[in-house]
Amino acid sequence: MPTQSSRRIRKAVLPAAGLGTRFLPATKSVPKEMIPLVDKPLIQYSVEECLASGIEHIIIVTGRGKSAIEDHFDFAPELEAFLSGKGKSALAAEMHALGKMAEFSYTRQREALGLGHAVLTAKELVGDEPFAVLLGDVVIHSTKPATRQLMDVYEATGQGAIAVEPVPMDQIHLYGVIKPPPSGAKGSPSSAATDTLRISAEIAERLVPIQDLVEKPKREDAPSNLIVTGRYVLPPEIFACLERTRPGRGGEIQLTDGMRLLAQDRGLWAYRYEGVCYDAGDKLGFLKATVELGLIHPELGPAFRDYLKSRKW
């Protein structure tokens, strides 16, 4: 079991090597992660969540044609000078701040071999310490960042935690689903375990131990209604699990399969996070996310709401 001092999470991995085929033709020459969602690129939402969670070092797994991501989080002296010269000093300062948001490292996934392989590609940069994984096409709006919620679980228990949420059973076939142990089985976050692990009652009531994970089950075969939501905090042992994971369909190594081994070897928690999830992973989901996030935008929201109300549908 990790010591308390070794449970601090400093790093996050953001997989960004996919081809973005669900967004073609827009992603033929522009990385999906750089498509603007309201007023900033999609990937910036994940970066900002990392920073709000206390993450210090962000590792972005890229691929061919993704240099725009690196450029976005770099300094642009010519642009800043141009904006300053036009009297737009506040905007120039905002652009400069992008270059010093965090410590960024980049590594390349040379072949599209699955999410698990993308995470494994970051092994040398992560090293022997726990880390977060954020899927960039999932945006979670919450008072306390979803990643920070998972970090609290890891720091209290020394075990990995993944964000989950309930969905209607007629949609369960679309997602990865957790299988909890039978009711009352060893591993449940009982009051005794809560005292031992120093978990707050608020955290304990949202925790569910994971016995297994099932990818896109039929409704009648689904072991629960709790789906994996795209936020993970994992121990370094996940890398050994991924190295043991056999490639599946298409020769891909899936993160879900690695986490199944992790759950068996070391234990893994599901956490019913607090917040609202916007799945921007396809065109319709992206449009919905644009509307929802546009409505809560502090500057654009009121005018956007008035516009929508004025429309004659």
Protein backbone atom coordinates (compact mmCIF):
# COMPACT_ATOMS: atom_id res chain seq x y z
CA MET A 1 0.00 0.00 0.00
CA PRO A 2 1.46 3.42 -0.95
CA THR A 3 2.45 5.74 1.87
CA GLN A 4 0.53 8.97 2.34
CA SER A 5 3.43 10.99 0.89
CA SER A 6 3.51 8.81 -2.26
CA ARG A 7 -0.20 9.30 -2.94
CA ARG A 8 0.07 12.88 -4.18
CA ILE A 9 -0.87 13.18 -7.83
CA ARG A 10 1.26 15.65 -9.78
CA LYS A 11 0.85 14.47 -13.36
CA ALA A 12 -1.93 13.94 -15.87
CA VAL A 13 -2.01 12.17 -19.23
CA LEU A 14 -4.22 13.55 -21.99
CA PRO A 15 -4.51 11.13 -24.95
CA ALA A 16 -4.78 13.21 -28.13
CA ALA A 17 -3.47 10.97 -30.91
CA GLY A 18 -6.78 9.88 -32.44
CA LEU A 19 -7.70 10.67 -36.03
CA GLY A 20 -11.04 12.26 -35.11
CA THR A 21 -12.89 10.39 -37.85
CA ARG A 22 -16.30 11.12 -36.32
CA PHE A 23 -15.71 14.81 -37.06
CA LEU A 24 -14.64 14.52 -40.70
CA PRO A 25 -14.32 16.57 -42.83
CA ALA A 26 -13.56 19.18 -40.15
CA THR A 27 -10.69 17.09 -38.76
CA LYS A 28 -9.01 16.34 -42.10
CA SER A 29 -6.45 19.07 -41.40
CA VAL A 30 -7.37 20.30 -37.90
CA PRO A 31 -6.92 18.13 -34.79
CA LYS A 32 -10.23 17.28 -33.16
CA GLU A 33 -8.78 18.54 -29.88
CA MET A 34 -8.38 22.02 -31.41
CA ILE A 35 -11.98 22.45 -32.59
CA PRO A 36 -13.40 25.45 -30.70
CA LEU A 37 -16.05 24.63 -28.09
CA VAL A 38 -17.73 28.00 -27.45
CA ASP A 39 -14.59 30.16 -27.13
CA LYS A 40 -11.60 27.83 -26.63
CA PRO A 41 -10.24 24.58 -28.05
CA LEU A 42 -11.75 21.37 -26.73
CA ILE A 43 -8.49 20.21 -25.15
CA GLN A 44 -8.15 23.42 -23.13
CA TYR A 45 -11.10 22.40 -20.96
CA SER A 46 -9.16 19.31 -19.83
CA VAL A 47 -6.01 21.33 -19.22
CA GLU A 48 -7.93 23.84 -17.11
CA GLU A 49 -9.52 21.00 -15.12
CA CYS A 50 -6.04 19.63 -14.43
CA LEU A 51 -4.81 22.98 -13.17
CA ALA A 52 -7.89 23.50 -11.00
CA SER A 53 -7.24 20.04 -9.51
CA GLY A 54 -3.66 20.85 -8.53
CA ILE A 55 -1.92 18.98 -11.36
CA GLU A 56 1.56 20.37 -12.09
CA HIS A 57 2.74 18.42 -15.13
CA ILE A 58 0.53 17.66 -18.15
CA ILE A 59 1.61 14.95 -20.60
CA ILE A 60 -0.15 15.06 -23.96
CA VAL A 61 0.02 11.97 -26.15
CA THR A 62 -0.05 13.20 -29.75
CA GLY A 63 0.26 11.74 -33.21
CA ARG A 64 0.96 12.83 -36.73
CA GLY A 65 -0.62 16.17 -37.64
CA LYS A 66 -1.13 17.31 -34.04
CA SER A 67 1.48 20.08 -33.87
CA ALA A 68 -1.28 22.69 -33.48
CA ILE A 69 -1.79 21.42 -29.92
CA GLU A 70 1.82 22.14 -29.01
CA ASP A 71 1.64 25.53 -30.70
CA HIS A 72 -1.48 26.47 -28.74
CA PHE A 73 0.20 25.92 -25.37
CA ASP A 74 3.39 27.72 -26.41
CA PHE A 75 4.35 31.39 -26.47
CA ALA A 76 3.55 33.43 -29.60
CA PRO A 77 5.70 36.61 -29.34
CA GLU A 78 4.65 37.96 -32.75
CA LEU A 79 0.95 37.62 -31.96
CA GLU A 80 1.38 39.14 -28.51
CA ALA A 81 3.33 42.08 -29.92
CA PHE A 82 0.68 42.63 -32.60
CA LEU A 83 -2.13 42.63 -30.05
CA SER A 84 -0.23 44.96 -27.72
CA GLY A 85 0.44 47.32 -30.62
CA LYS A 86 -3.29 47.47 -31.33
CA GLY A 87 -4.04 48.40 -27.74
CA LYS A 88 -5.35 44.92 -26.87
CA SER A 89 -3.04 44.36 -23.92
CA ALA A 90 -5.53 42.24 -21.97
CA LEU A 91 -5.90 39.84 -24.90
CA ALA A 92 -2.12 39.78 -25.36
CA ALA A 93 -1.72 38.84 -21.69
CA GLU A 94 -4.31 36.08 -22.09
CA MET A 95 -2.36 34.64 -25.03
CA HIS A 96 0.90 34.83 -23.07
CA ALA A 97 -0.71 33.00 -20.15
CA LEU A 98 -1.43 29.98 -22.41
CA GLY A 99 2.31 29.41 -22.70
CA LYS A 100 2.84 29.16 -18.97
CA MET A 101 -0.32 27.41 -17.82
CA ALA A 102 1.61 24.32 -16.71
CA GLU A 103 4.65 22.21 -17.44
CA PHE A 104 3.83 20.39 -20.67
CA SER A 105 5.48 17.30 -22.11
CA TYR A 106 4.60 15.59 -25.36
CA THR A 107 5.05 12.03 -26.52
CA ARG A 108 3.91 10.48 -29.77
CA GLN A 109 1.76 7.43 -30.29
CA ARG A 110 3.08 6.32 -33.66
CA GLU A 111 0.29 3.85 -34.37
CA ALA A 112 -3.42 3.97 -33.50
CA LEU A 113 -3.32 0.96 -31.17
CA GLY A 114 -5.99 1.95 -28.66
CA LEU A 115 -6.48 4.07 -25.58
CA GLY A 116 -4.57 1.64 -23.38
CA HIS A 117 -1.59 1.84 -25.72
CA ALA A 118 -1.79 5.65 -25.68
CA VAL A 119 -1.58 5.65 -21.88
CA LEU A 120 1.26 3.13 -22.00
CA THR A 121 3.14 5.46 -24.36
CA ALA A 122 3.38 7.96 -21.50
CA LYS A 123 5.02 5.46 -19.12
CA GLU A 124 8.53 6.96 -19.17
CA LEU A 125 7.24 10.49 -18.62
CA VAL A 126 4.91 9.47 -15.79
CA GLY A 127 7.49 7.34 -13.99
CA ASP A 128 6.75 5.45 -10.79
CA GLU A 129 3.96 7.64 -9.43
CA PRO A 130 0.17 7.89 -9.59
CA PHE A 131 -1.37 10.02 -12.32
CA ALA A 132 -4.66 11.20 -13.79
CA VAL A 133 -6.03 10.44 -17.24
CA LEU A 134 -8.54 12.77 -18.87
CA LEU A 135 -10.34 12.07 -22.14
CA GLY A 136 -10.47 15.38 -23.97
CA ASP A 137 -13.84 14.91 -25.65
CA VAL A 138 -15.54 14.66 -22.25
CA VAL A 139 -16.16 18.00 -20.53
CA ILE A 140 -17.39 17.89 -16.93
CA HIS A 141 -18.82 21.03 -15.36
CA SER A 142 -18.68 20.92 -11.58
CA THR A 143 -17.96 23.11 -8.58
CA LYS A 144 -15.14 20.79 -7.54
CA PRO A 145 -13.28 19.41 -10.57
CA ALA A 146 -14.06 15.76 -11.29
CA THR A 147 -10.34 14.97 -11.44
CA ARG A 148 -9.84 16.52 -8.00
CA GLN A 149 -12.67 14.35 -6.65
CA LEU A 150 -10.85 11.23 -7.86
CA MET A 151 -7.54 12.50 -6.52
CA ASP A 152 -9.13 12.79 -3.08
CA VAL A 153 -10.19 9.14 -3.29
CA TYR A 154 -6.71 7.99 -4.27
CA GLU A 155 -5.01 10.07 -1.62
CA ALA A 156 -7.35 8.60 1.02
CA THR A 157 -7.21 4.96 -0.09
CA GLY A 158 -4.03 4.45 -2.10
CA GLN A 159 -6.12 2.77 -4.79
CA GLY A 160 -7.11 3.89 -8.26
CA ALA A 161 -10.48 5.51 -8.89
CA ILE A 162 -12.53 6.13 -12.03
CA ALA A 163 -15.47 8.47 -12.52
CA VAL A 164 -18.83 6.86 -13.17
CA GLU A 165 -22.41 8.01 -13.59
CA PRO A 166 -25.77 6.26 -13.92
CA VAL A 167 -27.54 6.09 -17.28
CA PRO A 168 -30.93 4.70 -18.33
CA MET A 169 -30.74 0.98 -19.07
CA ASP A 170 -31.89 1.47 -22.66
CA GLN A 171 -28.60 3.33 -23.27
CA ILE A 172 -26.31 0.95 -21.39
CA HIS A 173 -25.16 -0.86 -24.56
CA LEU A 174 -23.30 2.27 -25.64
CA TYR A 175 -20.82 2.37 -22.75
CA GLY A 176 -18.28 0.63 -20.60
CA VAL A 177 -20.03 -0.50 -17.42
CA ILE A 178 -18.69 -1.40 -13.99
CA LYS A 179 -19.56 -4.62 -12.19
CA PRO A 180 -19.67 -4.15 -8.41
CA PRO A 181 -19.20 -7.10 -6.06
CA PRO A 182 -22.29 -8.75 -4.55
CA SER A 183 -23.96 -6.72 -1.83
CA GLY A 184 -22.14 -7.04 1.48
CA ALA A 185 -19.02 -8.56 -0.08
CA LYS A 186 -15.59 -7.69 1.23
CA GLY A 187 -14.37 -4.39 -0.18
CA SER A 188 -17.51 -2.36 0.28
CA PRO A 189 -16.84 1.07 1.82
CA SER A 190 -18.42 0.24 5.18
CA SER A 191 -18.21 2.55 8.16
CA ALA A 192 -15.29 0.50 9.51
CA ALA A 193 -13.42 0.87 6.24
CA THR A 194 -14.25 4.55 6.24
CA ASP A 195 -12.62 4.96 9.64
CA THR A 196 -9.57 2.89 8.66
CA LEU A 197 -8.99 4.68 5.39
CA ARG A 198 -9.97 8.09 6.76
CA ILE A 199 -12.53 8.60 4.02
CA SER A 200 -15.15 11.20 4.69
CA ALA A 201 -18.75 10.04 4.81
CA GLU A 202 -19.46 12.21 1.77
CA ILE A 203 -16.83 10.34 -0.28
CA ALA A 204 -17.76 6.92 1.11
CA GLU A 205 -21.39 7.15 0.03
CA ARG A 206 -20.29 7.78 -3.56
CA LEU A 207 -17.72 4.96 -3.70
CA VAL A 208 -18.40 1.60 -5.32
CA PRO A 209 -15.73 -1.15 -5.40
CA ILE A 210 -15.13 -2.60 -8.85
CA GLN A 211 -15.11 -6.35 -9.35
CA ASP A 212 -14.98 -6.15 -13.14
CA LEU A 213 -15.67 -3.91 -16.14
CA VAL A 214 -17.82 -4.86 -19.11
CA GLU A 215 -17.63 -3.11 -22.47
CA LYS A 216 -20.97 -2.25 -24.12
CA PRO A 217 -23.10 -5.04 -22.63
CA LYS A 218 -26.61 -5.92 -23.74
CA ARG A 219 -29.27 -4.51 -21.47
CA GLU A 220 -30.08 -7.92 -20.03
CA ASP A 221 -26.39 -8.64 -19.35
CA ALA A 222 -25.43 -5.30 -17.80
CA PRO A 223 -24.05 -5.75 -14.26
CA SER A 224 -25.07 -2.22 -13.18
CA ASN A 225 -26.24 1.09 -14.61
CA LEU A 226 -22.94 2.86 -13.81
CA ILE A 227 -20.86 3.79 -16.85
CA VAL A 228 -17.24 4.91 -17.12
CA THR A 229 -17.14 8.64 -17.81
CA GLY A 230 -13.63 9.55 -19.06
CA ARG A 231 -11.79 10.54 -15.86
CA TYR A 232 -9.32 8.24 -14.14
CA VAL A 233 -6.72 8.40 -11.37
CA LEU A 234 -4.46 5.38 -11.55
CA PRO A 235 -1.43 3.97 -9.75
CA PRO A 236 1.79 3.31 -11.70
CA GLU A 237 1.00 -0.41 -11.57
CA ILE A 238 -1.48 0.18 -14.41
CA PHE A 239 1.48 0.16 -16.81
CA ALA A 240 2.38 -3.44 -15.91
CA CYS A 241 -1.28 -4.35 -16.35
CA LEU A 242 -1.36 -2.74 -19.80
CA GLU A 243 1.83 -4.55 -20.77
CA ARG A 244 0.08 -7.82 -19.86
CA THR A 245 -3.05 -6.88 -21.80
CA ARG A 246 -3.52 -8.73 -25.04
CA PRO A 247 -4.55 -6.71 -28.09
CA GLY A 248 -8.21 -7.03 -28.95
CA ARG A 249 -10.20 -6.15 -32.03
CA GLY A 250 -8.12 -4.26 -34.57
CA GLY A 251 -4.95 -5.03 -32.63
CA GLU A 252 -5.81 -2.37 -30.05
CA ILE A 253 -4.88 -2.40 -26.37
CA GLN A 254 -7.83 -1.14 -24.37
CA LEU A 255 -7.53 0.79 -21.12
CA THR A 256 -10.64 -1.02 -19.87
CA ASP A 257 -8.85 -4.38 -20.14
CA GLY A 258 -5.84 -3.05 -18.24
CA MET A 259 -8.10 -1.71 -15.50
CA ARG A 260 -9.78 -5.11 -15.20
CA LEU A 261 -6.41 -6.59 -14.32
CA LEU A 262 -5.71 -3.70 -11.96
CA ALA A 263 -9.03 -4.26 -10.17
CA GLN A 264 -8.15 -7.92 -9.66
CA ASP A 265 -4.55 -7.29 -8.59
CA ARG A 266 -4.77 -4.18 -6.42
CA GLY A 267 -8.39 -3.07 -6.25
CA LEU A 268 -10.10 -0.22 -8.04
CA TRP A 269 -12.86 2.17 -7.00
CA ALA A 270 -15.71 3.66 -9.00
CA TYR A 271 -16.73 7.11 -7.84
CA ARG A 272 -20.10 8.65 -8.63
CA TYR A 273 -18.74 12.11 -9.27
CA GLU A 274 -20.57 15.36 -8.65
CA GLY A 275 -21.11 17.43 -11.78
CA VAL A 276 -22.64 17.45 -15.25
CA CYS A 277 -20.96 15.64 -18.12
CA TYR A 278 -21.02 16.89 -21.70
CA ASP A 279 -19.95 14.24 -24.20
CA ALA A 280 -18.46 16.13 -27.14
CA GLY A 281 -17.13 12.99 -28.81
CA ASP A 282 -19.36 13.13 -31.90
CA LYS A 283 -21.06 15.83 -33.93
CA LEU A 284 -24.42 15.76 -32.15
CA GLY A 285 -22.82 15.58 -28.71
CA PHE A 286 -20.55 18.45 -29.66
CA LEU A 287 -23.52 20.59 -30.69
CA LYS A 288 -25.30 19.81 -27.41
CA ALA A 289 -22.15 20.67 -25.45
CA THR A 290 -21.83 23.94 -27.35
CA VAL A 291 -25.37 24.96 -26.40
CA GLU A 292 -25.10 23.87 -22.76
CA LEU A 293 -21.70 25.46 -22.16
CA GLY A 294 -22.71 28.55 -24.12
CA LEU A 295 -25.69 29.03 -21.81
CA ILE A 296 -23.51 28.97 -18.67
CA HIS A 297 -20.71 31.09 -20.13
CA PRO A 298 -20.30 34.12 -17.81
CA GLU A 299 -20.06 36.64 -20.67
CA LEU A 300 -21.96 35.05 -23.53
CA GLY A 301 -24.61 33.14 -21.59
CA PRO A 302 -27.28 35.80 -21.02
CA ALA A 303 -27.25 37.08 -24.62
CA PHE A 304 -27.14 33.54 -25.99
CA ARG A 305 -30.14 32.56 -23.85
CA ASP A 306 -32.08 35.58 -25.12
CA TYR A 307 -31.22 34.61 -28.69
CA LEU A 308 -32.47 31.05 -28.22
CA LYS A 309 -35.69 32.31 -26.69
CA SER A 310 -36.22 34.64 -29.63
CA ARG A 311 -35.97 31.87 -32.19
CA LYS A 312 -39.22 30.65 -33.73
CA TRP A 313 -38.64 26.93 -33.99
